[in-house]
PDB file of N, CA and C in Angstrom:
ATOM      1  N   UNK A   1       0.844  -1.189   0.000  1.00  0.00           N
ATOM      2  CA  UNK A   1       0.000   0.000   0.000  1.00  0.00           C
ATOM      3  C   UNK A   1       0.885   1.247   0.000  1.00  0.00           C
ATOM      4  N   UNK A   2       0.400   2.271  -0.642  1.00  0.00           N
ATOM      5  CA  UNK A   2       1.191   3.496  -0.746  1.00  0.00           C
ATOM      6  C   UNK A   2       0.978   4.392   0.479  1.00  0.00           C
ATOM      7  N   UNK A   3       1.960   5.226   0.726  1.00  0.00           N
ATOM      8  CA  UNK A   3       1.855   6.220   1.793  1.00  0.00           C
ATOM      9  C   UNK A   3       1.117   7.422   1.212  1.00  0.00           C
ATOM     10  N   UNK A   4       0.066   7.881   1.868  1.00  0.00           N
ATOM     11  CA  UNK A   4      -0.685   9.018   1.340  1.00  0.00           C
ATOM     12  C   UNK A   4       0.109  10.317   1.416  1.00  0.00           C
ATOM     13  N   UNK A   5      -0.272  11.254   0.574  1.00  0.00           N
ATOM     14  CA  UNK A   5       0.244  12.619   0.637  1.00  0.00           C
ATOM     15  C   UNK A   5      -0.578  13.375   1.681  1.00  0.00           C
ATOM     16  N   UNK A   6      -0.038  14.449   2.251  1.00  0.00           N
ATOM     17  CA  UNK A   6      -0.840  15.214   3.222  1.00  0.00           C
ATOM     18  C   UNK A   6      -2.192  15.646   2.666  1.00  0.00           C
ATOM     19  N   UNK A   7      -2.255  15.998   1.391  1.00  0.00           N
ATOM     20  CA  UNK A   7      -3.525  16.441   0.804  1.00  0.00           C
ATOM     21  C   UNK A   7      -4.573  15.329   0.786  1.00  0.00           C
ATOM     22  N   UNK A   8      -4.147  14.062   0.866  1.00  0.00           N
ATOM     23  CA  UNK A   8      -5.084  12.935   0.902  1.00  0.00           C
ATOM     24  C   UNK A   8      -5.910  12.911   2.179  1.00  0.00           C
ATOM     25  N   UNK A   9      -5.513  13.682   3.196  1.00  0.00           N
ATOM     26  CA  UNK A   9      -6.262  13.709   4.456  1.00  0.00           C
ATOM     27  C   UNK A   9      -7.592  14.458   4.325  1.00  0.00           C
ATOM     28  N   UNK A  10      -7.709  15.336   3.324  1.00  0.00           N
ATOM     29  CA  UNK A  10      -8.930  16.116   3.160  1.00  0.00           C
ATOM     30  C   UNK A  10     -10.109  15.171   2.939  1.00  0.00           C
ATOM     31  N   UNK A  11     -11.158  15.350   3.726  1.00  0.00           N
ATOM     32  CA  UNK A  11     -12.351  14.522   3.642  1.00  0.00           C
ATOM     33  C   UNK A  11     -12.343  13.334   4.598  1.00  0.00           C
ATOM     34  N   UNK A  12     -11.184  13.008   5.171  1.00  0.00           N
ATOM     35  CA  UNK A  12     -11.117  11.923   6.148  1.00  0.00           C
ATOM     36  C   UNK A  12     -11.583  12.437   7.504  1.00  0.00           C
ATOM     37  N   UNK A  13     -11.971  11.510   8.384  1.00  0.00           N
ATOM     38  CA  UNK A  13     -12.355  11.939   9.724  1.00  0.00           C
ATOM     39  C   UNK A  13     -11.540  11.174  10.764  1.00  0.00           C
ATOM     40  N   UNK A  14     -11.427  11.763  11.948  1.00  0.00           N
ATOM     41  CA  UNK A  14     -10.615  11.211  13.035  1.00  0.00           C
ATOM     42  C   UNK A  14     -11.392  10.101  13.738  1.00  0.00           C
ATOM     43  N   UNK A  15     -10.757   8.916  13.828  1.00  0.00           N
ATOM     44  CA  UNK A  15     -11.392   7.784  14.512  1.00  0.00           C
ATOM     45  C   UNK A  15     -10.650   7.371  15.775  1.00  0.00           C
ATOM     46  N   UNK A  16      -9.430   7.886  15.944  1.00  0.00           N
ATOM     47  CA  UNK A  16      -8.661   7.511  17.137  1.00  0.00           C
ATOM     48  C   UNK A  16      -7.577   8.553  17.372  1.00  0.00           C
ATOM     49  N   UNK A  17      -7.334   8.834  18.635  1.00  0.00           N
ATOM     50  CA  UNK A  17      -6.241   9.715  19.056  1.00  0.00           C
ATOM     51  C   UNK A  17      -5.524   8.997  20.186  1.00  0.00           C
ATOM     52  N   UNK A  18      -4.202   9.020  20.173  1.00  0.00           N
ATOM     53  CA  UNK A  18      -3.489   8.339  21.242  1.00  0.00           C
ATOM     54  C   UNK A  18      -2.019   8.651  21.238  1.00  0.00           C
ATOM     55  N   UNK A  19      -1.287   7.807  21.934  1.00  0.00           N
ATOM     56  CA  UNK A  19       0.162   7.955  22.034  1.00  0.00           C
ATOM     57  C   UNK A  19       0.768   6.559  21.988  1.00  0.00           C
ATOM     58  N   UNK A  20       1.696   6.373  21.080  1.00  0.00           N
ATOM     59  CA  UNK A  20       2.414   5.104  20.981  1.00  0.00           C
ATOM     60  C   UNK A  20       3.853   5.388  21.341  1.00  0.00           C
ATOM     61  N   UNK A  21       4.309   4.770  22.414  1.00  0.00           N
ATOM     62  CA  UNK A  21       5.622   5.063  22.992  1.00  0.00           C
ATOM     63  C   UNK A  21       5.707   6.563  23.217  1.00  0.00           C
ATOM     64  N   UNK A  22       6.559   7.268  22.501  1.00  0.00           N
ATOM     65  CA  UNK A  22       6.719   8.708  22.737  1.00  0.00           C
ATOM     66  C   UNK A  22       5.961   9.560  21.733  1.00  0.00           C
ATOM     67  N   UNK A  23       5.262   8.942  20.771  1.00  0.00           N
ATOM     68  CA  UNK A  23       4.677   9.706  19.675  1.00  0.00           C
ATOM     69  C   UNK A  23       3.168   9.818  19.762  1.00  0.00           C
ATOM     70  N   UNK A  24       2.650  11.039  19.878  1.00  0.00           N
ATOM     71  CA  UNK A  24       1.211  11.215  19.739  1.00  0.00           C
ATOM     72  C   UNK A  24       0.815  10.854  18.309  1.00  0.00           C
ATOM     73  N   UNK A  25      -0.412  10.345  18.138  1.00  0.00           N
ATOM     74  CA  UNK A  25      -0.878  10.028  16.794  1.00  0.00           C
ATOM     75  C   UNK A  25      -2.355  10.335  16.654  1.00  0.00           C
ATOM     76  N   UNK A  26      -2.758  10.481  15.387  1.00  0.00           N
ATOM     77  CA  UNK A  26      -4.158  10.648  15.024  1.00  0.00           C
ATOM     78  C   UNK A  26      -4.439   9.633  13.926  1.00  0.00           C
ATOM     79  N   UNK A  27      -5.490   8.848  14.097  1.00  0.00           N
ATOM     80  CA  UNK A  27      -5.903   7.852  13.105  1.00  0.00           C
ATOM     81  C   UNK A  27      -7.072   8.435  12.316  1.00  0.00           C
ATOM     82  N   UNK A  28      -6.954   8.439  10.991  1.00  0.00           N
ATOM     83  CA  UNK A  28      -7.990   8.948  10.102  1.00  0.00           C
ATOM     84  C   UNK A  28      -8.611   7.796   9.320  1.00  0.00           C
ATOM     85  N   UNK A  29      -9.878   7.949   8.952  1.00  0.00           N
ATOM     86  CA  UNK A  29     -10.584   6.943   8.160  1.00  0.00           C
ATOM     87  C   UNK A  29     -11.311   7.641   7.009  1.00  0.00           C
ATOM     88  N   UNK A  30     -11.358   6.970   5.842  1.00  0.00           N
ATOM     89  CA  UNK A  30     -12.065   7.559   4.700  1.00  0.00           C
ATOM     90  C   UNK A  30     -13.526   7.144   4.646  1.00  0.00           C
ATOM     91  N   UNK A  31     -13.924   6.120   5.393  1.00  0.00           N
ATOM     92  CA  UNK A  31     -15.309   5.676   5.536  1.00  0.00           C
ATOM     93  C   UNK A  31     -15.950   5.210   4.231  1.00  0.00           C
ATOM     94  N   UNK A  32     -15.139   4.835   3.257  1.00  0.00           N
ATOM     95  CA  UNK A  32     -15.698   4.230   2.047  1.00  0.00           C
ATOM     96  C   UNK A  32     -16.173   2.827   2.389  1.00  0.00           C
ATOM     97  N   UNK A  33     -17.270   2.384   1.794  1.00  0.00           N
ATOM     98  CA  UNK A  33     -17.800   1.074   2.169  1.00  0.00           C
ATOM     99  C   UNK A  33     -17.053  -0.119   1.581  1.00  0.00           C
ATOM    100  N   UNK A  34     -16.209   0.076   0.588  1.00  0.00           N
ATOM    101  CA  UNK A  34     -15.613  -1.084  -0.093  1.00  0.00           C
ATOM    102  C   UNK A  34     -14.119  -1.006  -0.277  1.00  0.00           C
ATOM    103  N   UNK A  35     -13.269  -1.365   0.568  1.00  0.00           N
ATOM    104  CA  UNK A  35     -13.422  -1.252   2.024  1.00  0.00           C
ATOM    105  C   UNK A  35     -12.951   0.125   2.466  1.00  0.00           C
ATOM    106  N   UNK A  36     -13.279   0.484   3.669  1.00  0.00           N
ATOM    107  CA  UNK A  36     -12.767   1.749   4.188  1.00  0.00           C
ATOM    108  C   UNK A  36     -11.266   1.609   4.404  1.00  0.00           C
ATOM    109  N   UNK A  37     -10.565   2.728   4.327  1.00  0.00           N
ATOM    110  CA  UNK A  37      -9.111   2.726   4.542  1.00  0.00           C
ATOM    111  C   UNK A  37      -8.781   3.675   5.690  1.00  0.00           C
ATOM    112  N   UNK A  38      -7.710   3.356   6.381  1.00  0.00           N
ATOM    113  CA  UNK A  38      -7.267   4.206   7.485  1.00  0.00           C
ATOM    114  C   UNK A  38      -5.796   4.542   7.318  1.00  0.00           C
ATOM    115  N   UNK A  39      -5.411   5.676   7.870  1.00  0.00           N
ATOM    116  CA  UNK A  39      -4.030   6.128   7.857  1.00  0.00           C
ATOM    117  C   UNK A  39      -3.763   6.821   9.191  1.00  0.00           C
ATOM    118  N   UNK A  40      -2.545   6.709   9.664  1.00  0.00           N
ATOM    119  CA  UNK A  40      -2.184   7.286  10.956  1.00  0.00           C
ATOM    120  C   UNK A  40      -1.122   8.370  10.751  1.00  0.00           C
ATOM    121  N   UNK A  41      -1.303   9.485  11.448  1.00  0.00           N
ATOM    122  CA  UNK A  41      -0.358  10.594  11.457  1.00  0.00           C
ATOM    123  C   UNK A  41       0.360  10.579  12.795  1.00  0.00           C
ATOM    124  N   UNK A  42       1.674  10.365  12.767  1.00  0.00           N
ATOM    125  CA  UNK A  42       2.497  10.415  13.979  1.00  0.00           C
ATOM    126  C   UNK A  42       3.178  11.772  14.071  1.00  0.00           C
ATOM    127  N   UNK A  43       3.389  12.244  15.300  1.00  0.00           N
ATOM    128  CA  UNK A  43       4.001  13.556  15.536  1.00  0.00           C
ATOM    129  C   UNK A  43       5.201  13.384  16.459  1.00  0.00           C
ATOM    130  N   UNK A  44       6.357  13.925  16.048  1.00  0.00           N
ATOM    131  CA  UNK A  44       7.566  13.851  16.877  1.00  0.00           C
ATOM    132  C   UNK A  44       8.247  15.211  16.965  1.00  0.00           C
ATOM    133  N   UNK A  45       7.452  16.250  17.157  1.00  0.00           N
ATOM    134  CA  UNK A  45       7.953  17.595  17.361  1.00  0.00           C
ATOM    135  C   UNK A  45       6.877  18.393  18.093  1.00  0.00           C
ATOM    136  N   UNK A  46       7.081  19.674  18.214  1.00  0.00           N
ATOM    137  CA  UNK A  46       6.121  20.556  18.879  1.00  0.00           C
ATOM    138  C   UNK A  46       4.875  20.692  17.999  1.00  0.00           C
ATOM    139  N   UNK A  47       3.709  20.642  18.629  1.00  0.00           N
ATOM    140  CA  UNK A  47       2.458  20.845  17.909  1.00  0.00           C
ATOM    141  C   UNK A  47       1.484  21.577  18.811  1.00  0.00           C
ATOM    142  N   UNK A  48       0.441  22.105  18.199  1.00  0.00           N
ATOM    143  CA  UNK A  48      -0.619  22.722  18.977  1.00  0.00           C
ATOM    144  C   UNK A  48      -1.942  22.448  18.288  1.00  0.00           C
ATOM    145  N   UNK A  49      -2.994  22.438  19.069  1.00  0.00           N
ATOM    146  CA  UNK A  49      -4.343  22.243  18.564  1.00  0.00           C
ATOM    147  C   UNK A  49      -5.128  23.490  18.940  1.00  0.00           C
ATOM    148  N   UNK A  50      -5.668  24.151  17.934  1.00  0.00           N
ATOM    149  CA  UNK A  50      -6.466  25.354  18.150  1.00  0.00           C
ATOM    150  C   UNK A  50      -7.930  24.966  18.102  1.00  0.00           C
ATOM    151  N   UNK A  51      -8.615  25.221  19.206  1.00  0.00           N
ATOM    152  CA  UNK A  51     -10.003  24.817  19.378  1.00  0.00           C
ATOM    153  C   UNK A  51     -10.896  26.040  19.487  1.00  0.00           C
ATOM    154  N   UNK A  52     -12.201  25.858  19.285  1.00  0.00           N
ATOM    155  CA  UNK A  52     -13.132  26.977  19.517  1.00  0.00           C
ATOM    156  C   UNK A  52     -12.990  27.500  20.942  1.00  0.00           C
ATOM    157  N   UNK A  53     -13.333  28.735  21.152  1.00  0.00           N
ATOM    158  CA  UNK A  53     -13.169  29.389  22.461  1.00  0.00           C
ATOM    159  C   UNK A  53     -13.908  28.662  23.573  1.00  0.00           C
ATOM    160  N   UNK A  54     -14.899  27.863  23.239  1.00  0.00           N
ATOM    161  CA  UNK A  54     -15.676  27.156  24.258  1.00  0.00           C
ATOM    162  C   UNK A  54     -14.877  26.077  24.968  1.00  0.00           C
ATOM    163  N   UNK A  55     -13.827  25.592  24.324  1.00  0.00           N
ATOM    164  CA  UNK A  55     -13.042  24.492  24.877  1.00  0.00           C
ATOM    165  C   UNK A  55     -11.799  25.061  25.548  1.00  0.00           C
ATOM    166  N   UNK A  56     -11.594  24.741  26.826  1.00  0.00           N
ATOM    167  CA  UNK A  56     -10.445  25.261  27.556  1.00  0.00           C
ATOM    168  C   UNK A  56      -9.644  24.089  28.110  1.00  0.00           C
ATOM    169  N   UNK A  57      -8.684  23.619  27.342  1.00  0.00           N
ATOM    170  CA  UNK A  57      -7.807  22.528  27.751  1.00  0.00           C
ATOM    171  C   UNK A  57      -6.380  23.003  27.533  1.00  0.00           C
ATOM    172  N   UNK A  58      -5.552  22.923  28.552  1.00  0.00           N
ATOM    173  CA  UNK A  58      -4.196  23.453  28.481  1.00  0.00           C
ATOM    174  C   UNK A  58      -3.212  22.552  27.736  1.00  0.00           C
ATOM    175  N   UNK A  59      -3.221  21.274  28.023  1.00  0.00           N
ATOM    176  CA  UNK A  59      -2.226  20.350  27.491  1.00  0.00           C
ATOM    177  C   UNK A  59      -2.518  20.010  26.025  1.00  0.00           C
ATOM    178  N   UNK A  60      -1.550  20.229  25.094  1.00  0.00           N
ATOM    179  CA  UNK A  60      -1.791  19.935  23.677  1.00  0.00           C
ATOM    180  C   UNK A  60      -2.189  18.483  23.419  1.00  0.00           C
ATOM    181  N   UNK A  61      -1.613  17.544  24.165  1.00  0.00           N
ATOM    182  CA  UNK A  61      -1.965  16.138  23.959  1.00  0.00           C
ATOM    183  C   UNK A  61      -3.439  15.891  24.285  1.00  0.00           C
ATOM    184  N   UNK A  62      -3.930  16.510  25.337  1.00  0.00           N
ATOM    185  CA  UNK A  62      -5.342  16.365  25.677  1.00  0.00           C
ATOM    186  C   UNK A  62      -6.244  17.088  24.675  1.00  0.00           C
ATOM    187  N   UNK A  63      -5.742  18.177  24.082  1.00  0.00           N
ATOM    188  CA  UNK A  63      -6.533  18.877  23.062  1.00  0.00           C
ATOM    189  C   UNK A  63      -6.690  18.024  21.813  1.00  0.00           C
ATOM    190  N   UNK A  64      -5.742  17.111  21.555  1.00  0.00           N
ATOM    191  CA  UNK A  64      -5.897  16.200  20.416  1.00  0.00           C
ATOM    192  C   UNK A  64      -7.197  15.404  20.528  1.00  0.00           C
ATOM    193  N   UNK A  65      -7.582  15.064  21.756  1.00  0.00           N
ATOM    194  CA  UNK A  65      -8.802  14.281  21.971  1.00  0.00           C
ATOM    195  C   UNK A  65     -10.044  15.000  21.437  1.00  0.00           C
ATOM    196  N   UNK A  66     -10.009  16.322  21.429  1.00  0.00           N
ATOM    197  CA  UNK A  66     -11.150  17.090  20.934  1.00  0.00           C
ATOM    198  C   UNK A  66     -11.328  16.918  19.421  1.00  0.00           C
ATOM    199  N   UNK A  67     -10.336  16.350  18.741  1.00  0.00           N
ATOM    200  CA  UNK A  67     -10.418  16.164  17.290  1.00  0.00           C
ATOM    201  C   UNK A  67     -11.169  14.890  16.903  1.00  0.00           C
ATOM    202  N   UNK A  68     -11.455  14.013  17.870  1.00  0.00           N
ATOM    203  CA  UNK A  68     -12.187  12.777  17.573  1.00  0.00           C
ATOM    204  C   UNK A  68     -13.475  13.075  16.826  1.00  0.00           C
ATOM    205  N   UNK A  69     -13.722  12.314  15.769  1.00  0.00           N
ATOM    206  CA  UNK A  69     -14.924  12.399  14.927  1.00  0.00           C
ATOM    207  C   UNK A  69     -14.985  13.628  14.030  1.00  0.00           C
ATOM    208  N   UNK A  70     -13.965  14.476  14.031  1.00  0.00           N
ATOM    209  CA  UNK A  70     -13.974  15.651  13.160  1.00  0.00           C
ATOM    210  C   UNK A  70     -13.459  15.286  11.774  1.00  0.00           C
ATOM    211  N   UNK A  71     -13.924  16.015  10.770  1.00  0.00           N
ATOM    212  CA  UNK A  71     -13.544  15.785   9.375  1.00  0.00           C
ATOM    213  C   UNK A  71     -12.543  16.847   8.929  1.00  0.00           C
ATOM    214  N   UNK A  72     -11.518  16.405   8.199  1.00  0.00           N
ATOM    215  CA  UNK A  72     -10.497  17.307   7.682  1.00  0.00           C
ATOM    216  C   UNK A  72     -11.085  18.108   6.523  1.00  0.00           C
ATOM    217  N   UNK A  73     -10.967  19.430   6.615  1.00  0.00           N
ATOM    218  CA  UNK A  73     -11.463  20.315   5.562  1.00  0.00           C
ATOM    219  C   UNK A  73     -10.371  20.810   4.642  1.00  0.00           C
ATOM    220  N   UNK A  74      -9.154  20.992   5.188  1.00  0.00           N
ATOM    221  CA  UNK A  74      -8.039  21.505   4.388  1.00  0.00           C
ATOM    222  C   UNK A  74      -6.726  21.110   5.039  1.00  0.00           C
ATOM    223  N   UNK A  75      -5.683  21.000   4.218  1.00  0.00           N
ATOM    224  CA  UNK A  75      -4.345  20.696   4.697  1.00  0.00           C
ATOM    225  C   UNK A  75      -3.370  21.650   4.019  1.00  0.00           C
ATOM    226  N   UNK A  76      -2.504  22.245   4.816  1.00  0.00           N
ATOM    227  CA  UNK A  76      -1.448  23.097   4.272  1.00  0.00           C
ATOM    228  C   UNK A  76      -0.114  22.474   4.652  1.00  0.00           C
ATOM    229  N   UNK A  77       0.615  22.022   3.653  1.00  0.00           N
ATOM    230  CA  UNK A  77       1.927  21.408   3.851  1.00  0.00           C
ATOM    231  C   UNK A  77       2.956  22.509   3.721  1.00  0.00           C
ATOM    232  N   UNK A  78       3.544  22.906   4.845  1.00  0.00           N
ATOM    233  CA  UNK A  78       4.507  24.013   4.891  1.00  0.00           C
ATOM    234  C   UNK A  78       5.927  23.473   4.969  1.00  0.00           C
ATOM    235  N   UNK A  79       6.318  22.607   4.163  1.00  0.00           N
ATOM    236  CA  UNK A  79       7.611  21.909   4.194  1.00  0.00           C
ATOM    237  C   UNK A  79       8.568  22.478   5.213  1.00  0.00           C
ATOM    238  N   UNK A  80       8.861  21.790   6.256  1.00  0.00           N
ATOM    239  CA  UNK A  80       8.367  20.476   6.601  1.00  0.00           C
ATOM    240  C   UNK A  80       7.189  20.495   7.576  1.00  0.00           C
ATOM    241  N   UNK A  81       6.682  21.664   7.948  1.00  0.00           N
ATOM    242  CA  UNK A  81       5.555  21.732   8.881  1.00  0.00           C
ATOM    243  C   UNK A  81       4.243  21.355   8.225  1.00  0.00           C
ATOM    244  N   UNK A  82       3.207  21.229   9.035  1.00  0.00           N
ATOM    245  CA  UNK A  82       1.912  20.787   8.530  1.00  0.00           C
ATOM    246  C   UNK A  82       0.794  21.430   9.345  1.00  0.00           C
ATOM    247  N   UNK A  83      -0.214  21.961   8.656  1.00  0.00           N
ATOM    248  CA  UNK A  83      -1.429  22.455   9.295  1.00  0.00           C
ATOM    249  C   UNK A  83      -2.601  21.648   8.769  1.00  0.00           C
ATOM    250  N   UNK A  84      -3.397  21.099   9.678  1.00  0.00           N
ATOM    251  CA  UNK A  84      -4.589  20.342   9.315  1.00  0.00           C
ATOM    252  C   UNK A  84      -5.775  21.093   9.896  1.00  0.00           C
ATOM    253  N   UNK A  85      -6.656  21.577   9.017  1.00  0.00           N
ATOM    254  CA  UNK A  85      -7.852  22.316   9.446  1.00  0.00           C
ATOM    255  C   UNK A  85      -9.060  21.405   9.336  1.00  0.00           C
ATOM    256  N   UNK A  86      -9.929  21.489  10.324  1.00  0.00           N
ATOM    257  CA  UNK A  86     -11.118  20.655  10.380  1.00  0.00           C
ATOM    258  C   UNK A  86     -12.346  21.490  10.041  1.00  0.00           C
ATOM    259  N   UNK A  87     -13.403  20.831   9.598  1.00  0.00           N
ATOM    260  CA  UNK A  87     -14.577  21.540   9.108  1.00  0.00           C
ATOM    261  C   UNK A  87     -15.308  22.330  10.194  1.00  0.00           C
ATOM    262  N   UNK A  88     -15.037  22.047  11.460  1.00  0.00           N
ATOM    263  CA  UNK A  88     -15.705  22.788  12.532  1.00  0.00           C
ATOM    264  C   UNK A  88     -14.890  23.981  13.012  1.00  0.00           C
ATOM    265  N   UNK A  89     -13.744  24.245  12.387  1.00  0.00           N
ATOM    266  CA  UNK A  89     -12.910  25.381  12.767  1.00  0.00           C
ATOM    267  C   UNK A  89     -11.701  25.038  13.610  1.00  0.00           C
ATOM    268  N   UNK A  90     -11.589  23.796  14.087  1.00  0.00           N
ATOM    269  CA  UNK A  90     -10.398  23.377  14.831  1.00  0.00           C
ATOM    270  C   UNK A  90      -9.226  23.269  13.855  1.00  0.00           C
ATOM    271  N   UNK A  91      -8.007  23.384  14.388  1.00  0.00           N
ATOM    272  CA  UNK A  91      -6.820  23.268  13.541  1.00  0.00           C
ATOM    273  C   UNK A  91      -5.691  22.635  14.328  1.00  0.00           C
ATOM    274  N   UNK A  92      -4.979  21.708  13.691  1.00  0.00           N
ATOM    275  CA  UNK A  92      -3.764  21.100  14.226  1.00  0.00           C
ATOM    276  C   UNK A  92      -2.602  21.718  13.485  1.00  0.00           C
ATOM    277  N   UNK A  93      -1.640  22.261  14.207  1.00  0.00           N
ATOM    278  CA  UNK A  93      -0.459  22.867  13.605  1.00  0.00           C
ATOM    279  C   UNK A  93       0.785  22.148  14.130  1.00  0.00           C
ATOM    280  N   UNK A  94       1.538  21.546  13.208  1.00  0.00           N
ATOM    281  CA  UNK A  94       2.747  20.805  13.566  1.00  0.00           C
ATOM    282  C   UNK A  94       3.953  21.627  13.129  1.00  0.00           C
ATOM    283  N   UNK A  95       4.852  21.875  14.059  1.00  0.00           N
ATOM    284  CA  UNK A  95       6.055  22.661  13.791  1.00  0.00           C
ATOM    285  C   UNK A  95       6.875  22.033  12.672  1.00  0.00           C
ATOM    286  N   UNK A  96       7.594  22.857  11.975  1.00  0.00           N
ATOM    287  CA  UNK A  96       8.483  22.377  10.929  1.00  0.00           C
ATOM    288  C   UNK A  96       9.901  22.151  11.411  1.00  0.00           C
ATOM    289  N   UNK A  97      10.122  22.222  12.712  1.00  0.00           N
ATOM    290  CA  UNK A  97      11.476  22.102  13.246  1.00  0.00           C
ATOM    291  C   UNK A  97      11.609  20.924  14.197  1.00  0.00           C
ATOM    292  N   UNK A  98      12.690  20.188  14.023  1.00  0.00           N
ATOM    293  CA  UNK A  98      13.002  19.089  14.945  1.00  0.00           C
ATOM    294  C   UNK A  98      13.387  19.669  16.306  1.00  0.00           C
ATOM    295  N   UNK A  99      13.123  18.896  17.341  1.00  0.00           N
ATOM    296  CA  UNK A  99      13.499  19.265  18.705  1.00  0.00           C
ATOM    297  C   UNK A  99      14.654  18.376  19.159  1.00  0.00           C
ATOM    298  N   UNK A 100      15.229  18.655  20.309  1.00  0.00           N
ATOM    299  CA  UNK A 100      16.334  17.840  20.813  1.00  0.00           C
ATOM    300  C   UNK A 100      15.903  16.399  21.037  1.00  0.00           C
ATOM    301  N   UNK A 101      14.603  16.180  21.265  1.00  0.00           N
ATOM    302  CA  UNK A 101      14.081  14.843  21.529  1.00  0.00           C
ATOM    303  C   UNK A 101      13.505  14.164  20.293  1.00  0.00           C
ATOM    304  N   UNK A 102      13.524  14.835  19.151  1.00  0.00           N
ATOM    305  CA  UNK A 102      13.013  14.236  17.910  1.00  0.00           C
ATOM    306  C   UNK A 102      13.939  13.104  17.499  1.00  0.00           C
ATOM    307  N   UNK A 103      13.348  11.930  17.207  1.00  0.00           N
ATOM    308  CA  UNK A 103      14.168  10.750  16.914  1.00  0.00           C
ATOM    309  C   UNK A 103      14.303  10.450  15.423  1.00  0.00           C
ATOM    310  N   UNK A 104      13.508  11.077  14.593  1.00  0.00           N
ATOM    311  CA  UNK A 104      13.558  10.827  13.146  1.00  0.00           C
ATOM    312  C   UNK A 104      12.832  11.951  12.443  1.00  0.00           C
ATOM    313  N   UNK A 105      11.834  11.591  11.646  1.00  0.00           N
ATOM    314  CA  UNK A 105      11.013  12.615  10.998  1.00  0.00           C
ATOM    315  C   UNK A 105      10.212  13.365  12.051  1.00  0.00           C
ATOM    316  N   UNK A 106       9.874  14.622  11.760  1.00  0.00           N
ATOM    317  CA  UNK A 106       9.104  15.409  12.726  1.00  0.00           C
ATOM    318  C   UNK A 106       7.629  15.021  12.720  1.00  0.00           C
ATOM    319  N   UNK A 107       7.160  14.495  11.606  1.00  0.00           N
ATOM    320  CA  UNK A 107       5.830  13.895  11.501  1.00  0.00           C
ATOM    321  C   UNK A 107       5.865  12.957  10.305  1.00  0.00           C
ATOM    322  N   UNK A 108       4.968  11.956  10.325  1.00  0.00           N
ATOM    323  CA  UNK A 108       4.906  11.048   9.183  1.00  0.00           C
ATOM    324  C   UNK A 108       3.540  10.383   9.139  1.00  0.00           C
ATOM    325  N   UNK A 109       3.186   9.977   7.926  1.00  0.00           N
ATOM    326  CA  UNK A 109       1.955   9.236   7.684  1.00  0.00           C
ATOM    327  C   UNK A 109       2.305   7.781   7.422  1.00  0.00           C
ATOM    328  N   UNK A 110       1.487   6.877   7.941  1.00  0.00           N
ATOM    329  CA  UNK A 110       1.680   5.446   7.680  1.00  0.00           C
ATOM    330  C   UNK A 110       1.032   5.110   6.336  1.00  0.00           C
ATOM    331  N   UNK A 111       1.392   3.963   5.759  1.00  0.00           N
ATOM    332  CA  UNK A 111       0.697   3.535   4.525  1.00  0.00           C
ATOM    333  C   UNK A 111      -0.788   3.296   4.812  1.00  0.00           C
ATOM    334  N   UNK A 112      -1.601   3.438   3.748  1.00  0.00           N
ATOM    335  CA  UNK A 112      -3.019   3.118   3.872  1.00  0.00           C
ATOM    336  C   UNK A 112      -3.183   1.693   4.353  1.00  0.00           C
ATOM    337  N   UNK A 113      -4.195   1.447   5.155  1.00  0.00           N
ATOM    338  CA  UNK A 113      -4.518   0.070   5.525  1.00  0.00           C
ATOM    339  C   UNK A 113      -6.028  -0.092   5.566  1.00  0.00           C
ATOM    340  N   UNK A 114      -6.456  -1.273   5.188  1.00  0.00           N
ATOM    341  CA  UNK A 114      -7.901  -1.553   5.166  1.00  0.00           C
ATOM    342  C   UNK A 114      -8.345  -2.072   6.509  1.00  0.00           C
TER     343      UNK A 114
END
């Protein structure tokens, strides 16, 4: 299976948010019936989640949870940073710079999986 481009995230929705070892991740699904495909976005640098004013959560990792069930409306690939905007106005912004604790890529997408 091929690794999707960032623009392939548009129209997908969030089905899972979590942390694997040291990397926060977001799992996206395309919800096609024959068969649906999923892809995971891992983050290994500084990121922030911008939420509507109604939501007041300090920790960025906990703000990722607010993205569950949201649909991606737009993606801006700022080589190497990434902004993912959701249809409800939320936005995930991933820094384009490695940190002292970054172990490889600053973010990456897994290959599609059914």
